[in-house]
């Protein structure tokens, strides 16, 4: 699985990149079907925004979070992405059991 971190109007420092990768590693351990994740961090005035596009077989999952702190935005982003992946996994499992 690949993790791509890019920045708009913000420099991606090694500690920031490491923080994103460490937070996303929690998700990649639970969901093994993720092909890659693209994370875009941006700053607009006082708003720090984090966006992620997770590619999984069948579809793509897009989430975004914003806050006044970049690290808080990343935390919110990871929580939202995890909820979306859990919802997708449960939906796929229920469809498999319905067809049997």
PDB file of N, CA and C in Angstrom:
ATOM      1  N   UNK A   1       0.828  -1.169   0.000  1.00  0.00           N
ATOM      2  CA  UNK A   1       0.000   0.000   0.000  1.00  0.00           C
ATOM      3  C   UNK A   1       0.880   1.243   0.000  1.00  0.00           C
ATOM      4  N   UNK A   2       0.494   2.208  -0.810  1.00  0.00           N
ATOM      5  CA  UNK A   2       1.259   3.445  -0.938  1.00  0.00           C
ATOM      6  C   UNK A   2       0.525   4.593  -0.269  1.00  0.00           C
ATOM      7  N   UNK A   3       1.284   5.458   0.372  1.00  0.00           N
ATOM      8  CA  UNK A   3       0.734   6.678   0.959  1.00  0.00           C
ATOM      9  C   UNK A   3       1.454   7.862   0.336  1.00  0.00           C
ATOM     10  N   UNK A   4       0.700   8.728  -0.338  1.00  0.00           N
ATOM     11  CA  UNK A   4       1.249   9.922  -0.969  1.00  0.00           C
ATOM     12  C   UNK A   4       0.783  11.140  -0.166  1.00  0.00           C
ATOM     13  N   UNK A   5       1.710  11.973   0.247  1.00  0.00           N
ATOM     14  CA  UNK A   5       1.379  13.181   1.009  1.00  0.00           C
ATOM     15  C   UNK A   5       1.846  14.384   0.192  1.00  0.00           C
ATOM     16  N   UNK A   6       0.912  15.286  -0.124  1.00  0.00           N
ATOM     17  CA  UNK A   6       1.251  16.494  -0.863  1.00  0.00           C
ATOM     18  C   UNK A   6       0.724  17.700  -0.108  1.00  0.00           C
ATOM     19  N   UNK A   7       1.244  18.856  -0.442  1.00  0.00           N
ATOM     20  CA  UNK A   7       0.831  20.073   0.240  1.00  0.00           C
ATOM     21  C   UNK A   7       0.500  21.186  -0.730  1.00  0.00           C
ATOM     22  N   UNK A   8      -0.524  21.943  -0.416  1.00  0.00           N
ATOM     23  CA  UNK A   8      -0.892  23.153  -1.150  1.00  0.00           C
ATOM     24  C   UNK A   8      -0.734  24.323  -0.198  1.00  0.00           C
ATOM     25  N   UNK A   9       0.096  25.248  -0.545  1.00  0.00           N
ATOM     26  CA  UNK A   9       0.363  26.419   0.276  1.00  0.00           C
ATOM     27  C   UNK A   9       0.971  26.065   1.631  1.00  0.00           C
ATOM     28  N   UNK A  10       1.512  24.864   1.748  1.00  0.00           N
ATOM     29  CA  UNK A  10       2.153  24.441   3.003  1.00  0.00           C
ATOM     30  C   UNK A  10       3.306  23.491   2.649  1.00  0.00           C
ATOM     31  N   UNK A  11       4.401  23.632   3.362  1.00  0.00           N
ATOM     32  CA  UNK A  11       5.543  22.753   3.156  1.00  0.00           C
ATOM     33  C   UNK A  11       5.356  21.491   3.996  1.00  0.00           C
ATOM     34  N   UNK A  12       5.540  20.356   3.370  1.00  0.00           N
ATOM     35  CA  UNK A  12       5.402  19.087   4.079  1.00  0.00           C
ATOM     36  C   UNK A  12       6.756  18.767   4.718  1.00  0.00           C
ATOM     37  N   UNK A  13       6.845  19.006   6.012  1.00  0.00           N
ATOM     38  CA  UNK A  13       8.077  18.743   6.747  1.00  0.00           C
ATOM     39  C   UNK A  13       8.149  17.257   7.107  1.00  0.00           C
ATOM     40  N   UNK A  14       9.341  16.739   7.343  1.00  0.00           N
ATOM     41  CA  UNK A  14       9.453  15.323   7.735  1.00  0.00           C
ATOM     42  C   UNK A  14       8.613  14.950   8.959  1.00  0.00           C
ATOM     43  N   UNK A  15       8.552  15.780  10.025  1.00  0.00           N
ATOM     44  CA  UNK A  15       7.681  15.388  11.150  1.00  0.00           C
ATOM     45  C   UNK A  15       6.192  15.339  10.772  1.00  0.00           C
ATOM     46  N   UNK A  16       5.773  16.252   9.899  1.00  0.00           N
ATOM     47  CA  UNK A  16       4.377  16.256   9.469  1.00  0.00           C
ATOM     48  C   UNK A  16       4.069  15.016   8.634  1.00  0.00           C
ATOM     49  N   UNK A  17       4.967  14.665   7.710  1.00  0.00           N
ATOM     50  CA  UNK A  17       4.797  13.465   6.886  1.00  0.00           C
ATOM     51  C   UNK A  17       4.786  12.214   7.769  1.00  0.00           C
ATOM     52  N   UNK A  18       5.689  12.177   8.738  1.00  0.00           N
ATOM     53  CA  UNK A  18       5.768  11.028   9.645  1.00  0.00           C
ATOM     54  C   UNK A  18       4.482  10.894  10.468  1.00  0.00           C
ATOM     55  N   UNK A  19       3.911  12.014  10.893  1.00  0.00           N
ATOM     56  CA  UNK A  19       2.673  11.994  11.667  1.00  0.00           C
ATOM     57  C   UNK A  19       1.529  11.426  10.839  1.00  0.00           C
ATOM     58  N   UNK A  20       1.428  11.859   9.579  1.00  0.00           N
ATOM     59  CA  UNK A  20       0.371  11.354   8.694  1.00  0.00           C
ATOM     60  C   UNK A  20       0.534   9.857   8.472  1.00  0.00           C
ATOM     61  N   UNK A  21       1.737   9.422   8.176  1.00  0.00           N
ATOM     62  CA  UNK A  21       1.990   8.005   7.912  1.00  0.00           C
ATOM     63  C   UNK A  21       1.714   7.164   9.156  1.00  0.00           C
ATOM     64  N   UNK A  22       2.103   7.647  10.335  1.00  0.00           N
ATOM     65  CA  UNK A  22       1.864   6.870  11.557  1.00  0.00           C
ATOM     66  C   UNK A  22       0.368   6.754  11.858  1.00  0.00           C
ATOM     67  N   UNK A  23      -0.382   7.826  11.618  1.00  0.00           N
ATOM     68  CA  UNK A  23      -1.831   7.770  11.843  1.00  0.00           C
ATOM     69  C   UNK A  23      -2.504   6.834  10.842  1.00  0.00           C
ATOM     70  N   UNK A  24      -2.073   6.872   9.587  1.00  0.00           N
ATOM     71  CA  UNK A  24      -2.690   6.026   8.573  1.00  0.00           C
ATOM     72  C   UNK A  24      -2.276   4.569   8.701  1.00  0.00           C
ATOM     73  N   UNK A  25      -1.174   4.296   9.368  1.00  0.00           N
ATOM     74  CA  UNK A  25      -0.755   2.907   9.544  1.00  0.00           C
ATOM     75  C   UNK A  25      -1.764   2.147  10.399  1.00  0.00           C
ATOM     76  N   UNK A  26      -2.429   2.841  11.304  1.00  0.00           N
ATOM     77  CA  UNK A  26      -3.484   2.223  12.117  1.00  0.00           C
ATOM     78  C   UNK A  26      -4.613   1.704  11.220  1.00  0.00           C
ATOM     79  N   UNK A  27      -4.945   2.480  10.204  1.00  0.00           N
ATOM     80  CA  UNK A  27      -6.014   2.085   9.277  1.00  0.00           C
ATOM     81  C   UNK A  27      -5.555   0.945   8.389  1.00  0.00           C
ATOM     82  N   UNK A  28      -4.341   1.021   7.896  1.00  0.00           N
ATOM     83  CA  UNK A  28      -3.865  -0.011   6.971  1.00  0.00           C
ATOM     84  C   UNK A  28      -3.708  -1.367   7.654  1.00  0.00           C
ATOM     85  N   UNK A  29      -3.536  -1.387   8.961  1.00  0.00           N
ATOM     86  CA  UNK A  29      -3.460  -2.656   9.674  1.00  0.00           C
ATOM     87  C   UNK A  29      -4.828  -3.326   9.758  1.00  0.00           C
ATOM     88  N   UNK A  30      -5.896  -2.517   9.856  1.00  0.00           N
ATOM     89  CA  UNK A  30      -7.241  -3.073   9.991  1.00  0.00           C
ATOM     90  C   UNK A  30      -7.883  -3.417   8.652  1.00  0.00           C
ATOM     91  N   UNK A  31      -7.527  -2.681   7.597  1.00  0.00           N
ATOM     92  CA  UNK A  31      -8.149  -2.865   6.290  1.00  0.00           C
ATOM     93  C   UNK A  31      -7.060  -3.192   5.281  1.00  0.00           C
ATOM     94  N   UNK A  32      -6.997  -4.448   4.871  1.00  0.00           N
ATOM     95  CA  UNK A  32      -5.913  -4.874   3.996  1.00  0.00           C
ATOM     96  C   UNK A  32      -6.217  -4.675   2.514  1.00  0.00           C
ATOM     97  N   UNK A  33      -7.420  -4.230   2.151  1.00  0.00           N
ATOM     98  CA  UNK A  33      -7.780  -4.083   0.746  1.00  0.00           C
ATOM     99  C   UNK A  33      -7.475  -2.698   0.189  1.00  0.00           C
ATOM    100  N   UNK A  34      -6.884  -1.808   0.952  1.00  0.00           N
ATOM    101  CA  UNK A  34      -6.579  -0.469   0.480  1.00  0.00           C
ATOM    102  C   UNK A  34      -5.399  -0.543  -0.489  1.00  0.00           C
ATOM    103  N   UNK A  35      -5.587   0.008  -1.695  1.00  0.00           N
ATOM    104  CA  UNK A  35      -4.521   0.008  -2.693  1.00  0.00           C
ATOM    105  C   UNK A  35      -3.552   1.145  -2.424  1.00  0.00           C
ATOM    106  N   UNK A  36      -4.063   2.384  -2.318  1.00  0.00           N
ATOM    107  CA  UNK A  36      -3.228   3.512  -1.955  1.00  0.00           C
ATOM    108  C   UNK A  36      -4.075   4.637  -1.392  1.00  0.00           C
ATOM    109  N   UNK A  37      -3.403   5.538  -0.695  1.00  0.00           N
ATOM    110  CA  UNK A  37      -4.067   6.694  -0.086  1.00  0.00           C
ATOM    111  C   UNK A  37      -3.294   7.944  -0.489  1.00  0.00           C
ATOM    112  N   UNK A  38      -4.015   8.930  -0.998  1.00  0.00           N
ATOM    113  CA  UNK A  38      -3.420  10.216  -1.339  1.00  0.00           C
ATOM    114  C   UNK A  38      -3.936  11.251  -0.348  1.00  0.00           C
ATOM    115  N   UNK A  39      -3.028  11.883   0.384  1.00  0.00           N
ATOM    116  CA  UNK A  39      -3.386  12.884   1.381  1.00  0.00           C
ATOM    117  C   UNK A  39      -2.889  14.242   0.891  1.00  0.00           C
ATOM    118  N   UNK A  40      -3.788  15.235   0.901  1.00  0.00           N
ATOM    119  CA  UNK A  40      -3.435  16.590   0.508  1.00  0.00           C
ATOM    120  C   UNK A  40      -3.683  17.515   1.692  1.00  0.00           C
ATOM    121  N   UNK A  41      -2.648  18.218   2.091  1.00  0.00           N
ATOM    122  CA  UNK A  41      -2.743  19.166   3.199  1.00  0.00           C
ATOM    123  C   UNK A  41      -2.667  20.576   2.624  1.00  0.00           C
ATOM    124  N   UNK A  42      -3.550  21.463   3.092  1.00  0.00           N
ATOM    125  CA  UNK A  42      -3.540  22.834   2.583  1.00  0.00           C
ATOM    126  C   UNK A  42      -3.870  23.812   3.703  1.00  0.00           C
ATOM    127  N   UNK A  43      -3.461  25.053   3.479  1.00  0.00           N
ATOM    128  CA  UNK A  43      -3.734  26.133   4.424  1.00  0.00           C
ATOM    129  C   UNK A  43      -4.356  27.275   3.645  1.00  0.00           C
ATOM    130  N   UNK A  44      -5.536  27.728   4.087  1.00  0.00           N
ATOM    131  CA  UNK A  44      -6.217  28.868   3.492  1.00  0.00           C
ATOM    132  C   UNK A  44      -6.590  29.814   4.626  1.00  0.00           C
ATOM    133  N   UNK A  45      -5.936  30.938   4.678  1.00  0.00           N
ATOM    134  CA  UNK A  45      -6.086  31.911   5.759  1.00  0.00           C
ATOM    135  C   UNK A  45      -5.827  31.234   7.094  1.00  0.00           C
ATOM    136  N   UNK A  46      -6.812  31.095   7.947  1.00  0.00           N
ATOM    137  CA  UNK A  46      -6.610  30.463   9.254  1.00  0.00           C
ATOM    138  C   UNK A  46      -7.124  29.027   9.290  1.00  0.00           C
ATOM    139  N   UNK A  47      -7.522  28.496   8.160  1.00  0.00           N
ATOM    140  CA  UNK A  47      -8.114  27.164   8.102  1.00  0.00           C
ATOM    141  C   UNK A  47      -7.098  26.156   7.570  1.00  0.00           C
ATOM    142  N   UNK A  48      -6.810  25.147   8.362  1.00  0.00           N
ATOM    143  CA  UNK A  48      -5.922  24.059   7.961  1.00  0.00           C
ATOM    144  C   UNK A  48      -6.801  22.911   7.513  1.00  0.00           C
ATOM    145  N   UNK A  49      -6.601  22.474   6.277  1.00  0.00           N
ATOM    146  CA  UNK A  49      -7.486  21.479   5.681  1.00  0.00           C
ATOM    147  C   UNK A  49      -6.693  20.238   5.300  1.00  0.00           C
ATOM    148  N   UNK A  50      -7.269  19.078   5.563  1.00  0.00           N
ATOM    149  CA  UNK A  50      -6.672  17.800   5.183  1.00  0.00           C
ATOM    150  C   UNK A  50      -7.696  17.020   4.381  1.00  0.00           C
ATOM    151  N   UNK A  51      -7.265  16.501   3.225  1.00  0.00           N
ATOM    152  CA  UNK A  51      -8.134  15.705   2.363  1.00  0.00           C
ATOM    153  C   UNK A  51      -7.444  14.380   2.087  1.00  0.00           C
ATOM    154  N   UNK A  52      -8.239  13.328   1.948  1.00  0.00           N
ATOM    155  CA  UNK A  52      -7.672  12.018   1.641  1.00  0.00           C
ATOM    156  C   UNK A  52      -8.553  11.311   0.628  1.00  0.00           C
ATOM    157  N   UNK A  53      -7.907  10.637  -0.299  1.00  0.00           N
ATOM    158  CA  UNK A  53      -8.585   9.800  -1.279  1.00  0.00           C
ATOM    159  C   UNK A  53      -8.013   8.404  -1.134  1.00  0.00           C
ATOM    160  N   UNK A  54      -8.842   7.474  -0.668  1.00  0.00           N
ATOM    161  CA  UNK A  54      -8.408   6.091  -0.478  1.00  0.00           C
ATOM    162  C   UNK A  54      -8.967   5.255  -1.619  1.00  0.00           C
ATOM    163  N   UNK A  55      -8.082   4.575  -2.304  1.00  0.00           N
ATOM    164  CA  UNK A  55      -8.504   3.712  -3.414  1.00  0.00           C
ATOM    165  C   UNK A  55      -8.617   2.281  -2.892  1.00  0.00           C
ATOM    166  N   UNK A  56      -9.818   1.749  -3.016  1.00  0.00           N
ATOM    167  CA  UNK A  56     -10.086   0.371  -2.622  1.00  0.00           C
ATOM    168  C   UNK A  56     -10.742  -0.314  -3.818  1.00  0.00           C
ATOM    169  N   UNK A  57     -10.637  -1.627  -3.911  1.00  0.00           N
ATOM    170  CA  UNK A  57     -11.261  -2.306  -5.039  1.00  0.00           C
ATOM    171  C   UNK A  57     -12.770  -2.020  -5.090  1.00  0.00           C
ATOM    172  N   UNK A  58     -13.223  -1.562  -6.218  1.00  0.00           N
ATOM    173  CA  UNK A  58     -14.651  -1.282  -6.381  1.00  0.00           C
ATOM    174  C   UNK A  58     -14.999   0.183  -6.393  1.00  0.00           C
ATOM    175  N   UNK A  59     -14.331   0.994  -5.588  1.00  0.00           N
ATOM    176  CA  UNK A  59     -14.619   2.432  -5.576  1.00  0.00           C
ATOM    177  C   UNK A  59     -13.533   3.196  -4.822  1.00  0.00           C
ATOM    178  N   UNK A  60     -13.673   4.516  -4.823  1.00  0.00           N
ATOM    179  CA  UNK A  60     -12.752   5.384  -4.100  1.00  0.00           C
ATOM    180  C   UNK A  60     -13.508   6.056  -2.959  1.00  0.00           C
ATOM    181  N   UNK A  61     -12.819   6.296  -1.865  1.00  0.00           N
ATOM    182  CA  UNK A  61     -13.431   6.942  -0.711  1.00  0.00           C
ATOM    183  C   UNK A  61     -12.711   8.267  -0.482  1.00  0.00           C
ATOM    184  N   UNK A  62     -13.474   9.370  -0.480  1.00  0.00           N
ATOM    185  CA  UNK A  62     -12.912  10.698  -0.288  1.00  0.00           C
ATOM    186  C   UNK A  62     -13.446  11.274   1.008  1.00  0.00           C
ATOM    187  N   UNK A  63     -12.530  11.784   1.838  1.00  0.00           N
ATOM    188  CA  UNK A  63     -12.914  12.456   3.082  1.00  0.00           C
ATOM    189  C   UNK A  63     -12.081  13.718   3.233  1.00  0.00           C
ATOM    190  N   UNK A  64     -12.631  14.681   3.963  1.00  0.00           N
ATOM    191  CA  UNK A  64     -11.903  15.908   4.237  1.00  0.00           C
ATOM    192  C   UNK A  64     -12.236  16.395   5.634  1.00  0.00           C
ATOM    193  N   UNK A  65     -11.294  17.123   6.219  1.00  0.00           N
ATOM    194  CA  UNK A  65     -11.478  17.688   7.555  1.00  0.00           C
ATOM    195  C   UNK A  65     -10.723  19.005   7.620  1.00  0.00           C
ATOM    196  N   UNK A  66     -11.275  19.948   8.390  1.00  0.00           N
ATOM    197  CA  UNK A  66     -10.584  21.217   8.554  1.00  0.00           C
ATOM    198  C   UNK A  66     -10.678  21.673  10.001  1.00  0.00           C
ATOM    199  N   UNK A  67      -9.681  22.450  10.390  1.00  0.00           N
ATOM    200  CA  UNK A  67      -9.570  22.910  11.762  1.00  0.00           C
ATOM    201  C   UNK A  67      -8.605  24.097  11.779  1.00  0.00           C
ATOM    202  N   UNK A  68      -8.382  24.647  12.950  1.00  0.00           N
ATOM    203  CA  UNK A  68      -7.411  25.727  13.068  1.00  0.00           C
ATOM    204  C   UNK A  68      -6.001  25.185  13.295  1.00  0.00           C
ATOM    205  N   UNK A  69      -5.872  23.871  13.516  1.00  0.00           N
ATOM    206  CA  UNK A  69      -4.578  23.232  13.734  1.00  0.00           C
ATOM    207  C   UNK A  69      -4.430  22.076  12.741  1.00  0.00           C
ATOM    208  N   UNK A  70      -3.290  21.965  12.085  1.00  0.00           N
ATOM    209  CA  UNK A  70      -3.086  20.928  11.075  1.00  0.00           C
ATOM    210  C   UNK A  70      -3.131  19.532  11.690  1.00  0.00           C
ATOM    211  N   UNK A  71      -2.551  19.368  12.860  1.00  0.00           N
ATOM    212  CA  UNK A  71      -2.541  18.045  13.490  1.00  0.00           C
ATOM    213  C   UNK A  71      -3.953  17.617  13.898  1.00  0.00           C
ATOM    214  N   UNK A  72      -4.774  18.552  14.336  1.00  0.00           N
ATOM    215  CA  UNK A  72      -6.171  18.232  14.650  1.00  0.00           C
ATOM    216  C   UNK A  72      -6.931  17.859  13.387  1.00  0.00           C
ATOM    217  N   UNK A  73      -6.631  18.532  12.282  1.00  0.00           N
ATOM    218  CA  UNK A  73      -7.270  18.198  11.008  1.00  0.00           C
ATOM    219  C   UNK A  73      -6.903  16.790  10.573  1.00  0.00           C
ATOM    220  N   UNK A  74      -5.658  16.417  10.752  1.00  0.00           N
ATOM    221  CA  UNK A  74      -5.217  15.071  10.380  1.00  0.00           C
ATOM    222  C   UNK A  74      -5.906  14.028  11.252  1.00  0.00           C
ATOM    223  N   UNK A  75      -6.023  14.298  12.555  1.00  0.00           N
ATOM    224  CA  UNK A  75      -6.716  13.373  13.457  1.00  0.00           C
ATOM    225  C   UNK A  75      -8.167  13.179  13.038  1.00  0.00           C
ATOM    226  N   UNK A  76      -8.862  14.283  12.735  1.00  0.00           N
ATOM    227  CA  UNK A  76     -10.251  14.194  12.290  1.00  0.00           C
ATOM    228  C   UNK A  76     -10.359  13.433  10.977  1.00  0.00           C
ATOM    229  N   UNK A  77      -9.429  13.672  10.084  1.00  0.00           N
ATOM    230  CA  UNK A  77      -9.419  13.012   8.787  1.00  0.00           C
ATOM    231  C   UNK A  77      -9.289  11.498   8.942  1.00  0.00           C
ATOM    232  N   UNK A  78      -8.385  11.069   9.780  1.00  0.00           N
ATOM    233  CA  UNK A  78      -8.167   9.634   9.991  1.00  0.00           C
ATOM    234  C   UNK A  78      -9.407   8.998  10.615  1.00  0.00           C
ATOM    235  N   UNK A  79     -10.040   9.678  11.568  1.00  0.00           N
ATOM    236  CA  UNK A  79     -11.264   9.152  12.180  1.00  0.00           C
ATOM    237  C   UNK A  79     -12.380   9.011  11.152  1.00  0.00           C
ATOM    238  N   UNK A  80     -12.563  10.020  10.307  1.00  0.00           N
ATOM    239  CA  UNK A  80     -13.606   9.962   9.278  1.00  0.00           C
ATOM    240  C   UNK A  80     -13.323   8.854   8.270  1.00  0.00           C
ATOM    241  N   UNK A  81     -12.071   8.737   7.863  1.00  0.00           N
ATOM    242  CA  UNK A  81     -11.708   7.696   6.901  1.00  0.00           C
ATOM    243  C   UNK A  81     -11.946   6.311   7.477  1.00  0.00           C
ATOM    244  N   UNK A  82     -11.612   6.141   8.734  1.00  0.00           N
ATOM    245  CA  UNK A  82     -11.823   4.847   9.380  1.00  0.00           C
ATOM    246  C   UNK A  82     -13.315   4.498   9.444  1.00  0.00           C
ATOM    247  N   UNK A  83     -14.164   5.484   9.775  1.00  0.00           N
ATOM    248  CA  UNK A  83     -15.610   5.241   9.814  1.00  0.00           C
ATOM    249  C   UNK A  83     -16.140   4.868   8.428  1.00  0.00           C
ATOM    250  N   UNK A  84     -15.668   5.545   7.393  1.00  0.00           N
ATOM    251  CA  UNK A  84     -16.114   5.240   6.034  1.00  0.00           C
ATOM    252  C   UNK A  84     -15.703   3.824   5.622  1.00  0.00           C
ATOM    253  N   UNK A  85     -14.481   3.437   5.977  1.00  0.00           N
ATOM    254  CA  UNK A  85     -14.013   2.101   5.626  1.00  0.00           C
ATOM    255  C   UNK A  85     -14.772   1.020   6.383  1.00  0.00           C
ATOM    256  N   UNK A  86     -15.093   1.278   7.648  1.00  0.00           N
ATOM    257  CA  UNK A  86     -15.883   0.316   8.423  1.00  0.00           C
ATOM    258  C   UNK A  86     -17.268   0.169   7.805  1.00  0.00           C
ATOM    259  N   UNK A  87     -17.863   1.287   7.427  1.00  0.00           N
ATOM    260  CA  UNK A  87     -19.191   1.255   6.808  1.00  0.00           C
ATOM    261  C   UNK A  87     -19.160   0.474   5.497  1.00  0.00           C
ATOM    262  N   UNK A  88     -18.127   0.698   4.694  1.00  0.00           N
ATOM    263  CA  UNK A  88     -18.005  -0.013   3.415  1.00  0.00           C
ATOM    264  C   UNK A  88     -17.800  -1.504   3.642  1.00  0.00           C
ATOM    265  N   UNK A  89     -16.971  -1.859   4.633  1.00  0.00           N
ATOM    266  CA  UNK A  89     -16.696  -3.258   4.931  1.00  0.00           C
ATOM    267  C   UNK A  89     -17.964  -3.968   5.410  1.00  0.00           C
ATOM    268  N   UNK A  90     -18.734  -3.319   6.294  1.00  0.00           N
ATOM    269  CA  UNK A  90     -19.974  -3.908   6.787  1.00  0.00           C
ATOM    270  C   UNK A  90     -20.988  -4.062   5.662  1.00  0.00           C
ATOM    271  N   UNK A  91     -21.049  -3.101   4.779  1.00  0.00           N
ATOM    272  CA  UNK A  91     -21.981  -3.167   3.651  1.00  0.00           C
ATOM    273  C   UNK A  91     -21.619  -4.338   2.731  1.00  0.00           C
ATOM    274  N   UNK A  92     -20.342  -4.515   2.443  1.00  0.00           N
ATOM    275  CA  UNK A  92     -19.911  -5.626   1.600  1.00  0.00           C
ATOM    276  C   UNK A  92     -20.187  -6.972   2.257  1.00  0.00           C
ATOM    277  N   UNK A  93     -19.966  -7.069   3.568  1.00  0.00           N
ATOM    278  CA  UNK A  93     -20.221  -8.323   4.268  1.00  0.00           C
ATOM    279  C   UNK A  93     -21.707  -8.651   4.287  1.00  0.00           C
ATOM    280  N   UNK A  94     -22.557  -7.636   4.477  1.00  0.00           N
ATOM    281  CA  UNK A  94     -23.995  -7.893   4.499  1.00  0.00           C
ATOM    282  C   UNK A  94     -24.496  -8.289   3.117  1.00  0.00           C
ATOM    283  N   UNK A  95     -23.923  -7.749   2.075  1.00  0.00           N
ATOM    284  CA  UNK A  95     -24.343  -8.125   0.715  1.00  0.00           C
ATOM    285  C   UNK A  95     -23.914  -9.555   0.411  1.00  0.00           C
ATOM    286  N   UNK A  96     -22.756  -9.966   0.922  1.00  0.00           N
ATOM    287  CA  UNK A  96     -22.311 -11.335   0.695  1.00  0.00           C
ATOM    288  C   UNK A  96     -23.213 -12.338   1.402  1.00  0.00           C
ATOM    289  N   UNK A  97     -23.649 -12.021   2.607  1.00  0.00           N
ATOM    290  CA  UNK A  97     -24.496 -12.954   3.347  1.00  0.00           C
ATOM    291  C   UNK A  97     -25.920 -12.977   2.796  1.00  0.00           C
ATOM    292  N   UNK A  98     -26.369 -11.877   2.187  1.00  0.00           N
ATOM    293  CA  UNK A  98     -27.708 -11.830   1.601  1.00  0.00           C
ATOM    294  C   UNK A  98     -27.819 -12.707   0.363  1.00  0.00           C
ATOM    295  N   UNK A  99     -26.746 -12.854  -0.395  1.00  0.00           N
ATOM    296  CA  UNK A  99     -26.802 -13.616  -1.643  1.00  0.00           C
ATOM    297  C   UNK A  99     -26.665 -15.098  -1.414  1.00  0.00           C
ATOM    298  N   UNK A 100     -26.232 -15.522  -0.223  1.00  0.00           N
ATOM    299  CA  UNK A 100     -26.007 -16.951   0.043  1.00  0.00           C
ATOM    300  C   UNK A 100     -27.281 -17.634   0.387  1.00  0.00           C
TER     301      UNK A 100
END
